[in-house]
Amino acid sequence: MSTLSRDEVARVAALARIDLRPEELDRLAGELVVIVDAIAEVSAVATPDIPATSHPLPLTNVFRDDVPVAPLDVADIMAAAPASEGGRFLVPQILGEES
């Protein structure tokens, strides 16, 4: 079992720019020891023949198949637009440039 002193927790908190009250330093020292011990336990079990995983269960793609379909009709899209010209959307000018 590892130990973390109150001063070590205060130093890490200062590096992270976290202002902790004295009672928080004592509480976090105990909580961080539990975390460090859990990491040490996992590290002791991990071996080179066991691949690293990001998720304990296999994930599958939940997206639909990418099937090509006919494109939308430009005339229908432009008819639904508030303003269009020459098959393009017209938008308000924002940069003050000459057109």
PDB file of N, CA and C in Angstrom:
ATOM      1  N   MET A   1       0.850  -1.185   0.000  1.00  0.00           N
ATOM      2  CA  MET A   1       0.000   0.000   0.000  1.00  0.00           C
ATOM      3  C   MET A   1       0.885   1.232   0.000  1.00  0.00           C
ATOM      4  N   SER A   2       0.636   2.117  -0.954  1.00  0.00           N
ATOM      5  CA  SER A   2       1.416   3.346  -1.041  1.00  0.00           C
ATOM      6  C   SER A   2       0.826   4.410  -0.128  1.00  0.00           C
ATOM      7  N   THR A   3       1.596   5.435   0.081  1.00  0.00           N
ATOM      8  CA  THR A   3       1.102   6.557   0.878  1.00  0.00           C
ATOM      9  C   THR A   3       1.428   7.853   0.159  1.00  0.00           C
ATOM     10  N   LEU A   4       0.549   8.794   0.297  1.00  0.00           N
ATOM     11  CA  LEU A   4       0.769  10.140  -0.233  1.00  0.00           C
ATOM     12  C   LEU A   4       0.650  11.105   0.928  1.00  0.00           C
ATOM     13  N   SER A   5       1.649  11.934   1.073  1.00  0.00           N
ATOM     14  CA  SER A   5       1.606  12.895   2.179  1.00  0.00           C
ATOM     15  C   SER A   5       0.723  14.074   1.803  1.00  0.00           C
ATOM     16  N   ARG A   6       0.350  14.771   2.815  1.00  0.00           N
ATOM     17  CA  ARG A   6      -0.456  15.978   2.641  1.00  0.00           C
ATOM     18  C   ARG A   6       0.308  16.991   1.796  1.00  0.00           C
ATOM     19  N   ASP A   7       1.630  17.059   1.995  1.00  0.00           N
ATOM     20  CA  ASP A   7       2.463  17.991   1.233  1.00  0.00           C
ATOM     21  C   ASP A   7       2.512  17.616  -0.254  1.00  0.00           C
ATOM     22  N   GLU A   8       2.542  16.318  -0.564  1.00  0.00           N
ATOM     23  CA  GLU A   8       2.542  15.884  -1.965  1.00  0.00           C
ATOM     24  C   GLU A   8       1.225  16.262  -2.645  1.00  0.00           C
ATOM     25  N   VAL A   9       0.133  16.079  -1.945  1.00  0.00           N
ATOM     26  CA  VAL A   9      -1.172  16.446  -2.497  1.00  0.00           C
ATOM     27  C   VAL A   9      -1.238  17.960  -2.700  1.00  0.00           C
ATOM     28  N   ALA A  10      -0.719  18.725  -1.762  1.00  0.00           N
ATOM     29  CA  ALA A  10      -0.711  20.186  -1.882  1.00  0.00           C
ATOM     30  C   ALA A  10       0.149  20.612  -3.072  1.00  0.00           C
ATOM     31  N   ARG A  11       1.282  19.939  -3.299  1.00  0.00           N
ATOM     32  CA  ARG A  11       2.153  20.278  -4.420  1.00  0.00           C
ATOM     33  C   ARG A  11       1.465  19.997  -5.746  1.00  0.00           C
ATOM     34  N   VAL A  12       0.819  18.834  -5.856  1.00  0.00           N
ATOM     35  CA  VAL A  12       0.110  18.493  -7.095  1.00  0.00           C
ATOM     36  C   VAL A  12      -1.047  19.473  -7.321  1.00  0.00           C
ATOM     37  N   ALA A  13      -1.744  19.816  -6.269  1.00  0.00           N
ATOM     38  CA  ALA A  13      -2.849  20.773  -6.392  1.00  0.00           C
ATOM     39  C   ALA A  13      -2.330  22.134  -6.847  1.00  0.00           C
ATOM     40  N   ALA A  14      -1.192  22.552  -6.328  1.00  0.00           N
ATOM     41  CA  ALA A  14      -0.608  23.831  -6.733  1.00  0.00           C
ATOM     42  C   ALA A  14      -0.187  23.788  -8.195  1.00  0.00           C
ATOM     43  N   LEU A  15       0.381  22.669  -8.651  1.00  0.00           N
ATOM     44  CA  LEU A  15       0.767  22.533 -10.058  1.00  0.00           C
ATOM     45  C   LEU A  15      -0.449  22.613 -10.972  1.00  0.00           C
ATOM     46  N   ALA A  16      -1.568  22.052 -10.501  1.00  0.00           N
ATOM     47  CA  ALA A  16      -2.810  22.083 -11.278  1.00  0.00           C
ATOM     48  C   ALA A  16      -3.597  23.373 -11.040  1.00  0.00           C
ATOM     49  N   ARG A  17      -3.043  24.245 -10.224  1.00  0.00           N
ATOM     50  CA  ARG A  17      -3.683  25.519  -9.877  1.00  0.00           C
ATOM     51  C   ARG A  17      -5.061  25.317  -9.251  1.00  0.00           C
ATOM     52  N   ILE A  18      -5.107  24.355  -8.326  1.00  0.00           N
ATOM     53  CA  ILE A  18      -6.333  24.072  -7.589  1.00  0.00           C
ATOM     54  C   ILE A  18      -6.112  24.500  -6.140  1.00  0.00           C
ATOM     55  N   ASP A  19      -6.955  25.375  -5.660  1.00  0.00           N
ATOM     56  CA  ASP A  19      -6.832  25.867  -4.292  1.00  0.00           C
ATOM     57  C   ASP A  19      -7.646  24.960  -3.373  1.00  0.00           C
ATOM     58  N   LEU A  20      -6.964  24.242  -2.498  1.00  0.00           N
ATOM     59  CA  LEU A  20      -7.641  23.300  -1.595  1.00  0.00           C
ATOM     60  C   LEU A  20      -7.537  23.780  -0.155  1.00  0.00           C
ATOM     61  N   ARG A  21      -8.618  23.578   0.582  1.00  0.00           N
ATOM     62  CA  ARG A  21      -8.612  23.867   2.011  1.00  0.00           C
ATOM     63  C   ARG A  21      -7.873  22.743   2.736  1.00  0.00           C
ATOM     64  N   PRO A  22      -7.385  22.986   3.942  1.00  0.00           N
ATOM     65  CA  PRO A  22      -6.634  21.954   4.683  1.00  0.00           C
ATOM     66  C   PRO A  22      -7.399  20.636   4.843  1.00  0.00           C
ATOM     67  N   GLU A  23      -8.700  20.720   5.119  1.00  0.00           N
ATOM     68  CA  GLU A  23      -9.463  19.475   5.287  1.00  0.00           C
ATOM     69  C   GLU A  23      -9.603  18.713   3.969  1.00  0.00           C
ATOM     70  N   GLU A  24      -9.603  19.451   2.846  1.00  0.00           N
ATOM     71  CA  GLU A  24      -9.661  18.797   1.536  1.00  0.00           C
ATOM     72  C   GLU A  24      -8.351  18.082   1.224  1.00  0.00           C
ATOM     73  N   LEU A  25      -7.230  18.647   1.650  1.00  0.00           N
ATOM     74  CA  LEU A  25      -5.937  18.003   1.443  1.00  0.00           C
ATOM     75  C   LEU A  25      -5.890  16.645   2.135  1.00  0.00           C
ATOM     76  N   ASP A  26      -6.376  16.600   3.376  1.00  0.00           N
ATOM     77  CA  ASP A  26      -6.371  15.336   4.127  1.00  0.00           C
ATOM     78  C   ASP A  26      -7.280  14.310   3.465  1.00  0.00           C
ATOM     79  N   ARG A  27      -8.468  14.727   3.057  1.00  0.00           N
ATOM     80  CA  ARG A  27      -9.420  13.807   2.429  1.00  0.00           C
ATOM     81  C   ARG A  27      -8.884  13.293   1.098  1.00  0.00           C
ATOM     82  N   LEU A  28      -8.358  14.203   0.273  1.00  0.00           N
ATOM     83  CA  LEU A  28      -7.857  13.800  -1.036  1.00  0.00           C
ATOM     84  C   LEU A  28      -6.622  12.924  -0.946  1.00  0.00           C
ATOM     85  N   ALA A  29      -5.808  13.113   0.072  1.00  0.00           N
ATOM     86  CA  ALA A  29      -4.638  12.250   0.245  1.00  0.00           C
ATOM     87  C   ALA A  29      -5.080  10.801   0.386  1.00  0.00           C
ATOM     88  N   GLY A  30      -6.121  10.558   1.169  1.00  0.00           N
ATOM     89  CA  GLY A  30      -6.647   9.200   1.336  1.00  0.00           C
ATOM     90  C   GLY A  30      -7.271   8.667   0.063  1.00  0.00           C
ATOM     91  N   GLU A  31      -8.009   9.516  -0.657  1.00  0.00           N
ATOM     92  CA  GLU A  31      -8.653   9.080  -1.901  1.00  0.00           C
ATOM     93  C   GLU A  31      -7.626   8.783  -2.990  1.00  0.00           C
ATOM     94  N   LEU A  32      -6.592   9.594  -3.060  1.00  0.00           N
ATOM     95  CA  LEU A  32      -5.563   9.374  -4.077  1.00  0.00           C
ATOM     96  C   LEU A  32      -4.761   8.107  -3.819  1.00  0.00           C
ATOM     97  N   VAL A  33      -4.583   7.751  -2.551  1.00  0.00           N
ATOM     98  CA  VAL A  33      -3.891   6.502  -2.225  1.00  0.00           C
ATOM     99  C   VAL A  33      -4.670   5.314  -2.784  1.00  0.00           C
ATOM    100  N   VAL A  34      -5.987   5.349  -2.659  1.00  0.00           N
ATOM    101  CA  VAL A  34      -6.825   4.271  -3.197  1.00  0.00           C
ATOM    102  C   VAL A  34      -6.663   4.184  -4.714  1.00  0.00           C
ATOM    103  N   ILE A  35      -6.634   5.323  -5.383  1.00  0.00           N
ATOM    104  CA  ILE A  35      -6.487   5.351  -6.839  1.00  0.00           C
ATOM    105  C   ILE A  35      -5.108   4.822  -7.244  1.00  0.00           C
ATOM    106  N   VAL A  36      -4.068   5.277  -6.580  1.00  0.00           N
ATOM    107  CA  VAL A  36      -2.707   4.830  -6.903  1.00  0.00           C
ATOM    108  C   VAL A  36      -2.579   3.331  -6.677  1.00  0.00           C
ATOM    109  N   ASP A  37      -3.141   2.822  -5.601  1.00  0.00           N
ATOM    110  CA  ASP A  37      -3.092   1.380  -5.333  1.00  0.00           C
ATOM    111  C   ASP A  37      -3.837   0.586  -6.396  1.00  0.00           C
ATOM    112  N   ALA A  38      -4.979   1.093  -6.875  1.00  0.00           N
ATOM    113  CA  ALA A  38      -5.739   0.402  -7.920  1.00  0.00           C
ATOM    114  C   ALA A  38      -4.936   0.356  -9.217  1.00  0.00           C
ATOM    115  N   ILE A  39      -4.258   1.426  -9.543  1.00  0.00           N
ATOM    116  CA  ILE A  39      -3.432   1.451 -10.750  1.00  0.00           C
ATOM    117  C   ILE A  39      -2.264   0.482 -10.611  1.00  0.00           C
ATOM    118  N   ALA A  40      -1.664   0.433  -9.448  1.00  0.00           N
ATOM    119  CA  ALA A  40      -0.555  -0.503  -9.221  1.00  0.00           C
ATOM    120  C   ALA A  40      -1.028  -1.938  -9.357  1.00  0.00           C
ATOM    121  N   GLU A  41      -2.226  -2.231  -8.878  1.00  0.00           N
ATOM    122  CA  GLU A  41      -2.770  -3.587  -8.982  1.00  0.00           C
ATOM    123  C   GLU A  41      -3.012  -3.974 -10.435  1.00  0.00           C
ATOM    124  N   VAL A  42      -3.577  -3.070 -11.218  1.00  0.00           N
ATOM    125  CA  VAL A  42      -3.807  -3.344 -12.637  1.00  0.00           C
ATOM    126  C   VAL A  42      -2.478  -3.494 -13.362  1.00  0.00           C
ATOM    127  N   SER A  43      -1.510  -2.653 -13.039  1.00  0.00           N
ATOM    128  CA  SER A  43      -0.193  -2.729 -13.681  1.00  0.00           C
ATOM    129  C   SER A  43       0.499  -4.047 -13.373  1.00  0.00           C
ATOM    130  N   ALA A  44       0.271  -4.583 -12.195  1.00  0.00           N
ATOM    131  CA  ALA A  44       0.891  -5.857 -11.822  1.00  0.00           C
ATOM    132  C   ALA A  44       0.297  -7.008 -12.619  1.00  0.00           C
ATOM    133  N   VAL A  45      -0.956  -6.919 -12.988  1.00  0.00           N
ATOM    134  CA  VAL A  45      -1.636  -7.977 -13.727  1.00  0.00           C
ATOM    135  C   VAL A  45      -1.366  -7.871 -15.223  1.00  0.00           C
ATOM    136  N   ALA A  46      -1.203  -6.660 -15.729  1.00  0.00           N
ATOM    137  CA  ALA A  46      -1.010  -6.443 -17.159  1.00  0.00           C
ATOM    138  C   ALA A  46       0.292  -7.089 -17.617  1.00  0.00           C
ATOM    139  N   THR A  47       0.197  -7.865 -18.687  1.00  0.00           N
ATOM    140  CA  THR A  47       1.372  -8.521 -19.259  1.00  0.00           C
ATOM    141  C   THR A  47       1.434  -8.216 -20.752  1.00  0.00           C
ATOM    142  N   PRO A  48       2.602  -8.377 -21.364  1.00  0.00           N
ATOM    143  CA  PRO A  48       2.734  -8.058 -22.791  1.00  0.00           C
ATOM    144  C   PRO A  48       1.843  -8.905 -23.708  1.00  0.00           C
ATOM    145  N   ASP A  49       1.447 -10.101 -23.273  1.00  0.00           N
ATOM    146  CA  ASP A  49       0.626 -10.951 -24.141  1.00  0.00           C
ATOM    147  C   ASP A  49      -0.865 -10.621 -24.057  1.00  0.00           C
ATOM    148  N   ILE A  50      -1.231  -9.677 -23.204  1.00  0.00           N
ATOM    149  CA  ILE A  50      -2.629  -9.249 -23.118  1.00  0.00           C
ATOM    150  C   ILE A  50      -2.745  -7.895 -23.804  1.00  0.00           C
ATOM    151  N   PRO A  51      -3.530  -7.820 -24.904  1.00  0.00           N
ATOM    152  CA  PRO A  51      -3.627  -6.543 -25.613  1.00  0.00           C
ATOM    153  C   PRO A  51      -4.389  -5.498 -24.798  1.00  0.00           C
ATOM    154  N   ALA A  52      -3.978  -4.254 -24.961  1.00  0.00           N
ATOM    155  CA  ALA A  52      -4.675  -3.154 -24.291  1.00  0.00           C
ATOM    156  C   ALA A  52      -6.047  -2.974 -24.925  1.00  0.00           C
ATOM    157  N   THR A  53      -7.022  -2.619 -24.117  1.00  0.00           N
ATOM    158  CA  THR A  53      -8.374  -2.404 -24.626  1.00  0.00           C
ATOM    159  C   THR A  53      -8.870  -1.040 -24.164  1.00  0.00           C
ATOM    160  N   SER A  54      -9.741  -0.467 -24.964  1.00  0.00           N
ATOM    161  CA  SER A  54     -10.336   0.811 -24.574  1.00  0.00           C
ATOM    162  C   SER A  54     -11.740   0.612 -24.020  1.00  0.00           C
ATOM    163  N   HIS A  55     -12.270  -0.605 -24.207  1.00  0.00           N
ATOM    164  CA  HIS A  55     -13.628  -0.882 -23.767  1.00  0.00           C
ATOM    165  C   HIS A  55     -13.708  -2.365 -23.397  1.00  0.00           C
ATOM    166  N   PRO A  56     -14.372  -2.698 -22.300  1.00  0.00           N
ATOM    167  CA  PRO A  56     -14.396  -4.095 -21.885  1.00  0.00           C
ATOM    168  C   PRO A  56     -15.243  -5.002 -22.774  1.00  0.00           C
ATOM    169  N   LEU A  57     -16.153  -4.430 -23.543  1.00  0.00           N
ATOM    170  CA  LEU A  57     -17.008  -5.225 -24.418  1.00  0.00           C
ATOM    171  C   LEU A  57     -16.728  -4.862 -25.867  1.00  0.00           C
ATOM    172  N   PRO A  58     -16.842  -5.830 -26.767  1.00  0.00           N
ATOM    173  CA  PRO A  58     -16.621  -5.490 -28.175  1.00  0.00           C
ATOM    174  C   PRO A  58     -17.702  -4.543 -28.684  1.00  0.00           C
ATOM    175  N   LEU A  59     -17.286  -3.563 -29.458  1.00  0.00           N
ATOM    176  CA  LEU A  59     -18.225  -2.598 -30.012  1.00  0.00           C
ATOM    177  C   LEU A  59     -18.444  -2.898 -31.489  1.00  0.00           C
ATOM    178  N   THR A  60     -19.650  -2.660 -31.939  1.00  0.00           N
ATOM    179  CA  THR A  60     -19.942  -2.846 -33.351  1.00  0.00           C
ATOM    180  C   THR A  60     -20.468  -1.539 -33.911  1.00  0.00           C
ATOM    181  N   ASN A  61     -20.328  -1.391 -35.216  1.00  0.00           N
ATOM    182  CA  ASN A  61     -20.796  -0.183 -35.882  1.00  0.00           C
ATOM    183  C   ASN A  61     -22.322  -0.168 -35.848  1.00  0.00           C
ATOM    184  N   VAL A  62     -22.882   0.918 -35.352  1.00  0.00           N
ATOM    185  CA  VAL A  62     -24.339   1.019 -35.255  1.00  0.00           C
ATOM    186  C   VAL A  62     -24.926   1.880 -36.369  1.00  0.00           C
ATOM    187  N   PHE A  63     -24.076   2.315 -37.301  1.00  0.00           N
ATOM    188  CA  PHE A  63     -24.553   3.135 -38.403  1.00  0.00           C
ATOM    189  C   PHE A  63     -25.116   2.262 -39.517  1.00  0.00           C
ATOM    190  N   ARG A  64     -25.985   2.835 -40.311  1.00  0.00           N
ATOM    191  CA  ARG A  64     -26.549   2.113 -41.444  1.00  0.00           C
ATOM    192  C   ARG A  64     -25.475   1.934 -42.505  1.00  0.00           C
ATOM    193  N   ASP A  65     -25.698   1.018 -43.423  1.00  0.00           N
ATOM    194  CA  ASP A  65     -24.785   0.841 -44.536  1.00  0.00           C
ATOM    195  C   ASP A  65     -24.795   2.091 -45.399  1.00  0.00           C
ATOM    196  N   ASP A  66     -23.647   2.418 -45.948  1.00  0.00           N
ATOM    197  CA  ASP A  66     -23.529   3.577 -46.818  1.00  0.00           C
ATOM    198  C   ASP A  66     -23.917   3.156 -48.234  1.00  0.00           C
ATOM    199  N   VAL A  67     -25.175   3.413 -48.567  1.00  0.00           N
ATOM    200  CA  VAL A  67     -25.715   3.005 -49.865  1.00  0.00           C
ATOM    201  C   VAL A  67     -25.932   4.254 -50.711  1.00  0.00           C
ATOM    202  N   PRO A  68     -25.345   4.301 -51.906  1.00  0.00           N
ATOM    203  CA  PRO A  68     -25.554   5.476 -52.762  1.00  0.00           C
ATOM    204  C   PRO A  68     -27.012   5.605 -53.175  1.00  0.00           C
ATOM    205  N   VAL A  69     -27.503   6.831 -53.159  1.00  0.00           N
ATOM    206  CA  VAL A  69     -28.867   7.120 -53.603  1.00  0.00           C
ATOM    207  C   VAL A  69     -28.813   8.297 -54.559  1.00  0.00           C
ATOM    208  N   ALA A  70     -29.898   8.506 -55.265  1.00  0.00           N
ATOM    209  CA  ALA A  70     -29.957   9.619 -56.214  1.00  0.00           C
ATOM    210  C   ALA A  70     -29.875  10.941 -55.452  1.00  0.00           C
ATOM    211  N   PRO A  71     -29.150  11.942 -55.991  1.00  0.00           N
ATOM    212  CA  PRO A  71     -29.050  13.228 -55.304  1.00  0.00           C
ATOM    213  C   PRO A  71     -30.382  13.975 -55.340  1.00  0.00           C
ATOM    214  N   LEU A  72     -30.506  14.933 -54.452  1.00  0.00           N
ATOM    215  CA  LEU A  72     -31.704  15.764 -54.422  1.00  0.00           C
ATOM    216  C   LEU A  72     -31.724  16.672 -55.643  1.00  0.00           C
ATOM    217  N   ASP A  73     -32.902  17.022 -56.080  1.00  0.00           N
ATOM    218  CA  ASP A  73     -33.047  17.896 -57.237  1.00  0.00           C
ATOM    219  C   ASP A  73     -32.715  19.330 -56.833  1.00  0.00           C
ATOM    220  N   VAL A  74     -31.794  19.956 -57.569  1.00  0.00           N
ATOM    221  CA  VAL A  74     -31.351  21.306 -57.245  1.00  0.00           C
ATOM    222  C   VAL A  74     -32.519  22.290 -57.281  1.00  0.00           C
ATOM    223  N   ALA A  75     -33.396  22.147 -58.252  1.00  0.00           N
ATOM    224  CA  ALA A  75     -34.539  23.072 -58.362  1.00  0.00           C
ATOM    225  C   ALA A  75     -35.432  22.982 -57.128  1.00  0.00           C
ATOM    226  N   ASP A  76     -35.654  21.771 -56.600  1.00  0.00           N
ATOM    227  CA  ASP A  76     -36.480  21.613 -55.390  1.00  0.00           C
ATOM    228  C   ASP A  76     -35.811  22.267 -54.187  1.00  0.00           C
ATOM    229  N   ILE A  77     -34.492  22.093 -54.066  1.00  0.00           N
ATOM    230  CA  ILE A  77     -33.761  22.674 -52.934  1.00  0.00           C
ATOM    231  C   ILE A  77     -33.784  24.198 -53.022  1.00  0.00           C
ATOM    232  N   MET A  78     -33.526  24.734 -54.200  1.00  0.00           N
ATOM    233  CA  MET A  78     -33.512  26.191 -54.365  1.00  0.00           C
ATOM    234  C   MET A  78     -34.903  26.790 -54.153  1.00  0.00           C
ATOM    235  N   ALA A  79     -35.949  26.037 -54.482  1.00  0.00           N
ATOM    236  CA  ALA A  79     -37.314  26.517 -54.257  1.00  0.00           C
ATOM    237  C   ALA A  79     -37.602  26.654 -52.768  1.00  0.00           C
ATOM    238  N   ALA A  80     -36.951  25.844 -51.932  1.00  0.00           N
ATOM    239  CA  ALA A  80     -37.177  25.898 -50.487  1.00  0.00           C
ATOM    240  C   ALA A  80     -36.281  26.930 -49.803  1.00  0.00           C
ATOM    241  N   ALA A  81     -35.268  27.437 -50.510  1.00  0.00           N
ATOM    242  CA  ALA A  81     -34.339  28.402 -49.921  1.00  0.00           C
ATOM    243  C   ALA A  81     -34.982  29.784 -49.849  1.00  0.00           C
ATOM    244  N   PRO A  82     -34.660  30.582 -48.828  1.00  0.00           N
ATOM    245  CA  PRO A  82     -35.204  31.938 -48.739  1.00  0.00           C
ATOM    246  C   PRO A  82     -34.776  32.802 -49.923  1.00  0.00           C
ATOM    247  N   ALA A  83     -33.554  32.612 -50.421  1.00  0.00           N
ATOM    248  CA  ALA A  83     -33.073  33.386 -51.569  1.00  0.00           C
ATOM    249  C   ALA A  83     -32.026  32.569 -52.309  1.00  0.00           C
ATOM    250  N   SER A  84     -32.097  32.597 -53.638  1.00  0.00           N
ATOM    251  CA  SER A  84     -31.113  31.870 -54.437  1.00  0.00           C
ATOM    252  C   SER A  84     -30.921  32.584 -55.762  1.00  0.00           C
ATOM    253  N   GLU A  85     -29.796  32.286 -56.383  1.00  0.00           N
ATOM    254  CA  GLU A  85     -29.505  32.871 -57.693  1.00  0.00           C
ATOM    255  C   GLU A  85     -28.518  31.958 -58.414  1.00  0.00           C
ATOM    256  N   GLY A  86     -28.869  31.544 -59.613  1.00  0.00           N
ATOM    257  CA  GLY A  86     -27.976  30.714 -60.407  1.00  0.00           C
ATOM    258  C   GLY A  86     -27.666  29.371 -59.777  1.00  0.00           C
ATOM    259  N   GLY A  87     -28.618  28.794 -59.061  1.00  0.00           N
ATOM    260  CA  GLY A  87     -28.389  27.486 -58.434  1.00  0.00           C
ATOM    261  C   GLY A  87     -27.558  27.542 -57.161  1.00  0.00           C
ATOM    262  N   ARG A  88     -27.421  28.739 -56.584  1.00  0.00           N
ATOM    263  CA  ARG A  88     -26.657  28.899 -55.336  1.00  0.00           C
ATOM    264  C   ARG A  88     -27.494  29.647 -54.313  1.00  0.00           C
ATOM    265  N   PHE A  89     -27.209  29.393 -53.039  1.00  0.00           N
ATOM    266  CA  PHE A  89     -27.891  30.098 -51.965  1.00  0.00           C
ATOM    267  C   PHE A  89     -27.368  31.525 -51.895  1.00  0.00           C
ATOM    268  N   LEU A  90     -28.262  32.477 -51.696  1.00  0.00           N
ATOM    269  CA  LEU A  90     -27.864  33.858 -51.445  1.00  0.00           C
ATOM    270  C   LEU A  90     -27.910  34.102 -49.947  1.00  0.00           C
ATOM    271  N   VAL A  91     -26.832  34.675 -49.431  1.00  0.00           N
ATOM    272  CA  VAL A  91     -26.758  34.965 -47.998  1.00  0.00           C
ATOM    273  C   VAL A  91     -26.376  36.421 -47.820  1.00  0.00           C
ATOM    274  N   PRO A  92     -26.666  37.022 -46.674  1.00  0.00           N
ATOM    275  CA  PRO A  92     -26.307  38.419 -46.452  1.00  0.00           C
ATOM    276  C   PRO A  92     -24.787  38.597 -46.489  1.00  0.00           C
ATOM    277  N   GLN A  93     -24.348  39.695 -47.037  1.00  0.00           N
ATOM    278  CA  GLN A  93     -22.926  40.021 -47.083  1.00  0.00           C
ATOM    279  C   GLN A  93     -22.484  40.429 -45.679  1.00  0.00           C
ATOM    280  N   ILE A  94     -21.361  39.882 -45.229  1.00  0.00           N
ATOM    281  CA  ILE A  94     -20.909  40.188 -43.865  1.00  0.00           C
ATOM    282  C   ILE A  94     -19.521  40.809 -43.819  1.00  0.00           C
ATOM    283  N   LEU A  95     -18.776  40.756 -44.913  1.00  0.00           N
ATOM    284  CA  LEU A  95     -17.408  41.239 -44.857  1.00  0.00           C
ATOM    285  C   LEU A  95     -17.216  42.609 -45.474  1.00  0.00           C
ATOM    286  N   GLY A  96     -18.262  43.198 -46.044  1.00  0.00           N
ATOM    287  CA  GLY A  96     -18.151  44.520 -46.624  1.00  0.00           C
ATOM    288  C   GLY A  96     -17.374  44.529 -47.938  1.00  0.00           C
ATOM    289  N   GLU A  97     -17.271  43.395 -48.584  1.00  0.00           N
ATOM    290  CA  GLU A  97     -16.549  43.319 -49.848  1.00  0.00           C
ATOM    291  C   GLU A  97     -17.476  43.705 -50.986  1.00  0.00           C
ATOM    292  N   GLU A  98     -16.889  44.199 -52.059  1.00  0.00           N
ATOM    293  CA  GLU A  98     -17.657  44.506 -53.255  1.00  0.00           C
ATOM    294  C   GLU A  98     -17.987  43.212 -53.974  1.00  0.00           C
ATOM    295  N   SER A  99     -19.198  43.111 -54.526  1.00  0.00           N
ATOM    296  CA  SER A  99     -19.564  41.870 -55.209  1.00  0.00           C
ATOM    297  C   SER A  99     -19.323  41.961 -56.691  1.00  0.00           C
TER     298      SER A  99
END
